[in-house]
Amino acid sequence: MTLTLHDVVAVLGPADKTLVAEIVATGATQAELAEAFAWANNDEALVGEGRHLPTGRVAALVDLLRSDEEEPD
């Protein structure tokens, strides 16, 4: 099942409409978004746990989330 605005906000909290649209367009699931959110916010801990680096949609979501963090206000 693809994400809805409600699903994205449930994981990320309030988010820019453009970012939400880009996330929904990936066709990811809420579980994939939650995993990407964890990677984008604490990748060192996940690597330390021995987890493999994200691939596929999760990796694409991580890129989107990180690029949003780098945007100037």
Protein backbone atom coordinates (compact mmCIF):
# COMPACT_ATOMS: atom_id res chain seq x y z
CA MET A 1 0.00 0.00 0.00
CA THR A 2 1.45 3.36 -0.97
CA LEU A 3 1.78 6.23 1.42
CA THR A 4 -0.74 8.95 2.04
CA LEU A 5 -0.21 12.41 3.49
CA HIS A 6 -1.44 11.06 6.83
CA ASP A 7 1.10 8.20 6.72
CA VAL A 8 4.00 10.55 6.00
CA VAL A 9 3.00 12.96 8.78
CA ALA A 10 2.63 10.01 11.17
CA VAL A 11 6.30 9.16 10.61
CA LEU A 12 7.92 12.55 10.03
CA GLY A 13 5.63 14.95 11.83
CA PRO A 14 4.79 18.20 10.05
CA ALA A 15 6.57 18.25 6.69
CA ASP A 16 6.91 20.43 3.63
CA LYS A 17 4.25 19.65 1.00
CA THR A 18 6.88 19.24 -1.71
CA LEU A 19 8.81 16.71 0.38
CA VAL A 20 5.61 14.81 1.15
CA ALA A 21 4.75 14.66 -2.56
CA GLU A 22 8.25 13.40 -3.42
CA ILE A 23 8.03 10.74 -0.72
CA VAL A 24 4.60 9.56 -1.87
CA ALA A 25 5.85 9.45 -5.48
CA THR A 26 8.47 6.84 -4.53
CA GLY A 27 5.73 4.26 -4.01
CA ALA A 28 7.22 3.36 -0.63
CA THR A 29 5.36 1.87 2.29
CA GLN A 30 5.06 3.40 5.74
CA ALA A 31 7.49 0.77 7.06
CA GLU A 32 10.05 1.75 4.41
CA LEU A 33 9.63 5.41 5.32
CA ALA A 34 10.07 4.65 9.03
CA GLU A 35 13.27 2.72 8.26
CA ALA A 36 14.55 5.55 6.07
CA PHE A 37 13.73 8.08 8.80
CA ALA A 38 15.77 6.03 11.27
CA TRP A 39 18.71 5.88 8.85
CA ALA A 40 18.54 9.59 8.07
CA ASN A 41 18.57 10.50 11.75
CA ASN A 42 20.92 7.95 13.29
CA ASP A 43 22.90 6.01 10.70
CA GLU A 44 25.92 5.46 12.96
CA ALA A 45 23.86 3.58 15.52
CA LEU A 46 22.28 1.38 12.87
CA VAL A 47 25.66 0.57 11.33
CA GLY A 48 26.94 -0.12 14.83
CA GLU A 49 24.13 -2.66 15.24
CA GLY A 50 25.45 -4.44 12.17
CA ARG A 51 22.61 -3.46 9.87
CA HIS A 52 23.27 -3.37 6.14
CA LEU A 53 23.13 0.00 4.43
CA PRO A 54 19.72 0.75 2.93
CA THR A 55 19.00 -0.02 -0.71
CA GLY A 56 16.15 0.53 -3.15
CA ARG A 57 13.26 2.70 -2.02
CA VAL A 58 14.61 3.03 1.50
CA ALA A 59 17.88 4.46 0.15
CA ALA A 60 15.94 6.85 -2.10
CA LEU A 61 13.89 8.00 0.88
CA VAL A 62 17.03 8.53 2.97
CA ASP A 63 18.39 10.76 0.19
CA LEU A 64 15.16 12.76 0.10
CA LEU A 65 15.09 13.18 3.87
CA ARG A 66 18.73 14.20 4.06
CA SER A 67 18.44 16.66 1.18
CA ASP A 68 15.47 18.26 2.96
CA GLU A 69 17.60 18.70 6.11
CA GLU A 70 20.26 20.50 4.08
CA GLU A 71 17.84 23.06 2.65
CA PRO A 72 18.41 26.56 4.03
CA ASP A 73 15.49 28.14 5.88
